[in-house]
Amino acid sequence: MNDKSTVTVSIVMPAYKVEKTLARAIDSALAQTFCALEVVVVDDGSPDRSGAIADEYAARDSRVRVVHHPTNRGLAETRRTGATAARGEWIFPFDSDDTLPTNAVQDLYDRAVEHNLDLVYGAWNRIMPAGERPEYHAREGILSGDEFLEYLLDPRCVCGSCFCLGRRALWLNDVFPPVGVRLPSEDILINIRLSAYVRRMGLFNDISIYNYYYNSDSLSVTGTLHRQPLWREHFNKIREELRRRGLDQRLEPLVRQMELHRFAFMMNEVDTSDQWYRDVCHYPSEHFTRKSRVIQRLLRHPWLLRKAVAWNRRAKQWIQKLRK
């Protein structure tokens, strides 16, 4: 299957303001031990040299193809464009400020073929200025699409819309957020929509397939997308999707626990006058995990919750240092 004359896997890379990291990312994609691949770089109207760098690679390596768009449309639309342009049967979504271990594509492809999967995830590495740590899935093994959906609503889930290999046919369905909708996290909604088309998928912790780099300028770090109204709209979209599939009542307790965890760990400020906040504080908690019940109690006093979260993070860092 590793015939260079064919394309089995398309690595799809959005490129916007990544001139400092794009070459590193493309190099890691081209260094894969799996040969039957192409790298599709989608220049999303980037104002820096990202598009030019991608063109330079395409000029000297036929495995690289570049799609240019004159204006910036956002990550979801860029991935949609890349999936449409891809020629492989399989797609590996890949962010252009990260890197891939050399055997990443081969390991994922082998598992997909061995277990007849539509989608497959491996473990991945979170690389921070102070060091790196592996991220493992809370569940392992083969899941149905509905089981995958339930895992996506688990606060312990570490499935981004990267870190995976999926059949191209999956990505050609209506899996991306509506054009023009601004959300704090597109990955979750994309995966929830994707799960509707998944027959079998796999989660494997014994293969490490991605290096995720901390970026101090990213929206997830600067807090630009950590505003409460954006998260409220995010959960509105999740509930719309679950209602469409007739799963809203059964999965509502999981959605509510996810809301609690987002209030605790992802919002930079809490507006206590917001009715949504008040509703979350008073959800019935008999089906919640112990951790979620504690978070809900603390959420009624946001200043105390912030202190508890900060202390918890410092404790984890201290424990990690001791283990070293």
Protein backbone atom coordinates (compact mmCIF):
# COMPACT_ATOMS: atom_id res chain seq x y z
CA MET A 1 0.00 0.00 0.00
CA ASN A 2 2.99 2.36 0.31
CA ASP A 3 3.33 2.93 -3.44
CA LYS A 4 4.56 6.48 -4.05
CA SER A 5 2.56 6.70 -7.27
CA THR A 6 -0.75 6.47 -5.39
CA VAL A 7 -2.29 8.60 -2.68
CA THR A 8 -3.89 6.69 0.16
CA VAL A 9 -3.67 9.31 2.93
CA SER A 10 -4.08 13.08 2.60
CA ILE A 11 -2.59 15.17 5.40
CA VAL A 12 -4.67 18.35 5.43
CA MET A 13 -3.05 21.45 6.93
CA PRO A 14 -4.70 24.87 7.40
CA ALA A 15 -2.19 27.72 7.17
CA TYR A 16 -2.86 31.14 8.66
CA LYS A 17 -0.14 33.29 10.23
CA VAL A 18 2.13 30.27 10.74
CA GLU A 19 5.26 31.31 8.82
CA LYS A 20 7.39 30.52 11.90
CA THR A 21 6.20 26.90 12.23
CA LEU A 22 4.88 25.85 8.81
CA ALA A 23 8.17 24.48 7.47
CA ARG A 24 8.66 22.39 10.61
CA ALA A 25 5.16 20.96 10.26
CA ILE A 26 5.50 20.16 6.54
CA ASP A 27 8.91 18.57 7.12
CA SER A 28 7.43 16.24 9.74
CA ALA A 29 4.60 15.30 7.39
CA LEU A 30 6.98 14.54 4.53
CA ALA A 31 9.21 12.49 6.85
CA GLN A 32 6.48 9.91 7.46
CA THR A 33 7.41 6.26 6.98
CA PHE A 34 4.08 5.84 5.18
CA CYS A 35 4.85 6.73 1.57
CA ALA A 36 1.47 6.81 -0.20
CA LEU A 37 0.52 10.23 1.04
CA GLU A 38 0.09 13.82 0.01
CA VAL A 39 0.19 17.04 2.03
CA VAL A 40 -2.61 19.50 1.23
CA VAL A 41 -1.84 22.96 2.60
CA VAL A 42 -4.77 25.37 2.59
CA ASP A 43 -3.60 28.98 2.71
CA ASP A 44 -6.53 30.71 4.40
CA GLY A 45 -5.76 34.22 3.17
CA SER A 46 -2.72 34.44 5.43
CA PRO A 47 -1.13 37.93 5.46
CA ASP A 48 2.37 36.58 6.19
CA ARG A 49 4.62 34.27 4.13
CA SER A 50 2.68 31.08 4.95
CA GLY A 51 1.31 30.75 1.41
CA ALA A 52 4.69 31.45 -0.17
CA ILE A 53 6.43 28.89 2.06
CA ALA A 54 3.85 26.26 1.09
CA ASP A 55 4.36 27.10 -2.62
CA GLU A 56 8.12 26.66 -2.23
CA TYR A 57 7.59 23.16 -0.85
CA ALA A 58 5.13 22.30 -3.63
CA ALA A 59 7.67 23.43 -6.24
CA ARG A 60 10.27 20.94 -5.04
CA ASP A 61 8.12 18.04 -3.80
CA SER A 62 5.20 16.68 -5.81
CA ARG A 63 3.59 15.30 -2.65
CA VAL A 64 2.75 18.84 -1.53
CA ARG A 65 -0.25 20.66 -2.99
CA VAL A 66 -1.39 24.14 -2.04
CA VAL A 67 -4.87 25.65 -2.15
CA HIS A 68 -5.00 29.44 -1.81
CA HIS A 69 -8.02 31.42 -0.64
CA PRO A 70 -7.92 35.23 -0.87
CA THR A 71 -9.66 35.91 2.45
CA ASN A 72 -9.58 34.36 5.92
CA ARG A 73 -12.59 32.11 6.60
CA GLY A 74 -11.57 30.31 9.77
CA LEU A 75 -10.41 26.81 10.69
CA ALA A 76 -13.64 24.93 9.94
CA GLU A 77 -14.00 26.29 6.40
CA THR A 78 -10.30 25.69 5.76
CA ARG A 79 -10.62 22.05 6.77
CA ARG A 80 -13.73 21.71 4.62
CA THR A 81 -11.76 23.04 1.64
CA GLY A 82 -8.89 20.67 2.37
CA ALA A 83 -11.18 17.65 2.60
CA THR A 84 -12.74 18.52 -0.75
CA ALA A 85 -9.34 18.97 -2.40
CA ALA A 86 -7.84 15.78 -0.90
CA ARG A 87 -7.24 12.79 -3.19
CA GLY A 88 -6.62 10.11 -0.57
CA GLU A 89 -9.16 7.66 0.75
CA TRP A 90 -8.09 8.72 4.25
CA ILE A 91 -7.62 12.17 5.79
CA PHE A 92 -5.30 13.16 8.63
CA PRO A 93 -6.21 16.69 9.87
CA PHE A 94 -3.01 18.39 10.98
CA ASP A 95 -2.45 21.84 12.50
CA SER A 96 0.46 23.71 10.98
CA ASP A 97 2.09 24.72 14.28
CA ASP A 98 2.49 21.09 15.41
CA THR A 99 4.54 18.07 14.29
CA LEU A 100 4.04 14.36 13.67
CA PRO A 101 6.20 11.46 14.91
CA THR A 102 7.63 9.72 11.86
CA ASN A 103 5.45 6.61 12.23
CA ALA A 104 2.19 8.42 13.04
CA VAL A 105 0.35 7.84 9.75
CA GLN A 106 1.56 4.25 9.42
CA ASP A 107 0.45 3.35 12.96
CA LEU A 108 -3.01 4.85 12.52
CA TYR A 109 -3.49 3.36 9.06
CA ASP A 110 -2.46 -0.11 10.25
CA ARG A 111 -5.00 0.02 13.12
CA ALA A 112 -7.74 1.28 10.81
CA VAL A 113 -7.19 -1.57 8.34
CA GLU A 114 -6.70 -4.23 11.01
CA HIS A 115 -9.95 -3.40 12.80
CA ASN A 116 -11.99 -2.19 9.79
CA LEU A 117 -12.45 1.30 11.27
CA ASP A 118 -13.83 4.54 9.88
CA LEU A 119 -11.93 6.69 12.36
CA VAL A 120 -8.94 6.01 14.61
CA TYR A 121 -7.20 7.98 17.37
CA GLY A 122 -3.88 7.52 19.11
CA ALA A 123 -2.33 9.09 22.19
CA TRP A 124 -0.50 12.38 21.75
CA ASN A 125 2.10 14.62 23.39
CA ARG A 126 1.41 18.05 24.84
CA ILE A 127 4.61 20.09 24.49
CA MET A 128 4.91 23.06 26.84
CA PRO A 129 7.79 25.48 27.52
CA ALA A 130 8.57 23.61 30.75
CA GLY A 131 8.49 20.17 29.13
CA GLU A 132 6.10 17.67 27.62
CA ARG A 133 3.57 15.18 28.85
CA PRO A 134 1.60 12.40 27.14
CA GLU A 135 -2.18 12.65 26.82
CA TYR A 136 -4.08 9.36 26.98
CA HIS A 137 -7.69 8.51 26.24
CA ALA A 138 -9.96 7.73 29.17
CA ARG A 139 -11.45 4.92 27.08
CA GLU A 140 -9.70 2.43 24.80
CA GLY A 141 -10.78 -0.04 22.16
CA ILE A 142 -13.43 -0.17 19.44
CA LEU A 143 -16.52 2.04 19.76
CA SER A 144 -19.67 2.52 17.73
CA GLY A 145 -20.61 6.00 16.54
CA ASP A 146 -23.05 6.45 19.44
CA GLU A 147 -20.44 5.26 21.96
CA PHE A 148 -17.97 7.71 20.45
CA LEU A 149 -20.54 10.48 20.87
CA GLU A 150 -20.95 9.68 24.56
CA TYR A 151 -17.18 9.72 25.03
CA LEU A 152 -16.97 13.13 23.36
CA LEU A 153 -19.26 14.49 26.08
CA ASP A 154 -17.01 13.10 28.81
CA PRO A 155 -14.93 15.91 30.39
CA ARG A 156 -11.93 13.56 30.30
CA CYS A 157 -12.08 13.26 26.50
CA VAL A 158 -8.90 14.35 24.68
CA CYS A 159 -10.15 13.89 21.10
CA GLY A 160 -9.42 16.97 19.04
CA SER A 161 -10.27 17.04 15.37
CA CYS A 162 -6.55 16.44 14.81
CA PHE A 163 -4.86 13.43 16.44
CA CYS A 164 -6.82 11.10 14.13
CA LEU A 165 -7.12 9.39 10.79
CA GLY A 166 -10.56 9.13 9.19
CA ARG A 167 -12.06 8.01 5.93
CA ARG A 168 -12.37 10.94 3.55
CA ALA A 169 -16.05 10.08 2.99
CA LEU A 170 -16.73 11.03 6.63
CA TRP A 171 -15.36 14.54 6.17
CA LEU A 172 -17.44 15.17 3.05
CA ASN A 173 -20.64 14.99 5.11
CA ASP A 174 -22.18 17.96 6.94
CA VAL A 175 -19.74 17.85 9.83
CA PHE A 176 -18.47 21.43 9.99
CA PRO A 177 -20.09 24.32 11.90
CA PRO A 178 -22.24 26.72 9.86
CA VAL A 179 -20.36 29.41 7.97
CA GLY A 180 -19.97 32.59 10.00
CA VAL A 181 -20.68 31.01 13.39
CA ARG A 182 -17.96 31.89 15.91
CA LEU A 183 -17.38 29.24 18.55
CA PRO A 184 -14.75 28.86 21.30
CA SER A 185 -14.10 25.24 20.28
CA GLU A 186 -14.92 23.93 16.82
CA ASP A 187 -13.33 20.52 17.49
CA ILE A 188 -16.07 19.27 19.80
CA LEU A 189 -18.94 20.17 17.50
CA ILE A 190 -17.10 18.79 14.46
CA ASN A 191 -16.53 15.46 16.23
CA ILE A 192 -20.12 15.30 17.50
CA ARG A 193 -21.38 15.75 13.95
CA LEU A 194 -18.77 13.32 12.65
CA SER A 195 -19.96 10.62 15.08
CA ALA A 196 -23.30 10.42 13.24
CA TYR A 197 -21.51 8.92 10.22
CA VAL A 198 -19.08 6.66 12.08
CA ARG A 199 -19.79 2.93 12.05
CA ARG A 200 -16.71 1.79 13.99
CA MET A 201 -13.90 3.86 15.50
CA GLY A 202 -10.89 3.08 17.65
CA LEU A 203 -9.06 4.69 20.57
CA PHE A 204 -5.52 3.42 21.16
CA ASN A 205 -3.13 4.57 23.87
CA ASP A 206 -0.22 2.37 22.85
CA ILE A 207 0.62 4.49 19.78
CA SER A 208 1.76 8.12 20.01
CA ILE A 209 0.77 9.97 16.87
CA TYR A 210 0.91 13.73 17.43
CA ASN A 211 3.01 16.49 19.00
CA TYR A 212 0.80 19.38 20.11
CA TYR A 213 2.84 22.54 20.76
CA TYR A 214 1.82 25.20 23.24
CA ASN A 215 1.36 28.49 21.37
CA SER A 216 1.27 31.62 23.52
CA ASP A 217 -0.43 33.56 20.71
CA SER A 218 -3.25 31.08 20.09
CA LEU A 219 -6.86 31.95 20.84
CA SER A 220 -7.07 29.09 23.31
CA VAL A 221 -4.27 30.66 25.35
CA THR A 222 -4.93 34.39 25.02
CA GLY A 223 -8.53 33.95 26.12
CA THR A 224 -10.08 35.74 23.14
CA LEU A 225 -12.54 32.87 22.77
CA HIS A 226 -13.05 32.24 26.49
CA ARG A 227 -16.07 34.50 26.77
CA GLN A 228 -19.25 33.24 28.35
CA PRO A 229 -21.64 34.19 25.48
CA LEU A 230 -19.55 32.21 22.99
CA TRP A 231 -19.64 29.14 25.21
CA ARG A 232 -23.40 29.51 25.65
CA GLU A 233 -23.79 29.46 21.86
CA HIS A 234 -21.42 26.49 21.72
CA PHE A 235 -23.73 24.45 23.95
CA ASN A 236 -26.79 25.64 22.03
CA LYS A 237 -25.26 24.13 18.88
CA ILE A 238 -24.46 20.87 20.68
CA ARG A 239 -28.03 20.56 21.91
CA GLU A 240 -29.38 21.33 18.43
CA GLU A 241 -27.33 18.46 17.02
CA LEU A 242 -28.45 16.04 19.75
CA ARG A 243 -32.11 17.01 19.22
CA ARG A 244 -31.72 16.40 15.51
CA ARG A 245 -30.58 12.86 16.29
CA GLY A 246 -33.20 12.27 19.01
CA LEU A 247 -30.51 11.89 21.67
CA ASP A 248 -31.01 15.11 23.60
CA GLN A 249 -32.94 13.73 26.58
CA ARG A 250 -30.69 10.70 27.10
CA LEU A 251 -27.46 12.67 26.86
CA GLU A 252 -28.55 15.87 28.61
CA PRO A 253 -26.86 14.88 31.94
CA LEU A 254 -23.52 14.55 30.09
CA VAL A 255 -23.98 17.91 28.39
CA ARG A 256 -24.69 19.54 31.75
CA GLN A 257 -21.53 18.11 33.28
CA MET A 258 -19.55 19.39 30.32
CA GLU A 259 -21.03 22.86 30.92
CA LEU A 260 -19.85 22.75 34.53
CA HIS A 261 -16.33 21.82 33.49
CA ARG A 262 -16.20 24.57 30.86
CA PHE A 263 -17.26 27.16 33.44
CA ALA A 264 -14.53 25.90 35.75
CA PHE A 265 -11.62 25.50 33.36
CA MET A 266 -12.26 27.39 30.11
CA MET A 267 -13.91 30.74 30.85
CA ASN A 268 -11.73 33.67 31.87
CA GLU A 269 -14.60 35.47 33.62
CA VAL A 270 -18.01 34.39 34.96
CA ASP A 271 -21.02 36.67 34.60
CA THR A 272 -23.15 35.73 37.61
CA SER A 273 -26.09 37.81 36.32
CA ASP A 274 -26.46 35.54 33.29
CA GLN A 275 -29.49 33.23 33.44
CA TRP A 276 -27.48 30.42 31.85
CA TYR A 277 -24.98 30.59 34.71
CA ARG A 278 -27.82 30.45 37.25
CA ASP A 279 -29.36 27.45 35.52
CA VAL A 280 -26.04 25.58 35.51
CA CYS A 281 -25.53 26.28 39.22
CA HIS A 282 -28.87 24.64 40.04
CA TYR A 283 -28.92 21.61 37.75
CA PRO A 284 -30.09 18.45 39.56
CA SER A 285 -26.88 16.63 40.40
CA GLU A 286 -27.92 13.11 41.34
CA HIS A 287 -26.46 11.69 38.09
CA PHE A 288 -23.27 13.76 38.19
CA THR A 289 -19.84 12.42 39.05
CA ARG A 290 -18.38 13.41 42.39
CA LYS A 291 -16.00 15.85 40.70
CA SER A 292 -18.86 17.52 38.84
CA ARG A 293 -20.86 17.90 42.05
CA VAL A 294 -17.90 19.60 43.73
CA ILE A 295 -17.43 21.93 40.76
CA GLN A 296 -21.11 22.85 40.83
CA ARG A 297 -20.93 23.81 44.52
CA LEU A 298 -17.81 25.88 43.94
CA LEU A 299 -19.29 27.53 40.86
CA ARG A 300 -21.81 29.30 43.08
CA HIS A 301 -18.78 31.21 44.43
CA PRO A 302 -16.65 31.93 41.31
CA TRP A 303 -13.77 33.52 43.25
CA LEU A 304 -13.47 30.35 45.34
CA LEU A 305 -13.64 28.17 42.23
CA ARG A 306 -10.79 30.16 40.64
CA LYS A 307 -8.62 29.65 43.71
CA ALA A 308 -9.42 25.91 43.79
CA VAL A 309 -8.60 25.49 40.08
CA ALA A 310 -5.32 27.41 40.46
CA TRP A 311 -4.34 25.34 43.49
CA ASN A 312 -5.21 22.12 41.66
CA ARG A 313 -3.03 23.07 38.70
CA ARG A 314 -0.09 23.96 40.94
CA ALA A 315 -0.47 20.67 42.78
CA LYS A 316 -0.39 18.73 39.50
CA GLN A 317 2.74 20.57 38.38
CA TRP A 318 4.39 19.85 41.72
CA ILE A 319 3.51 16.14 41.48
CA GLN A 320 4.92 15.99 37.94
CA LYS A 321 8.18 17.52 39.10
CA LEU A 322 8.44 14.99 41.93
CA ARG A 323 7.93 12.12 39.48
CA LYS A 324 10.84 13.38 37.40
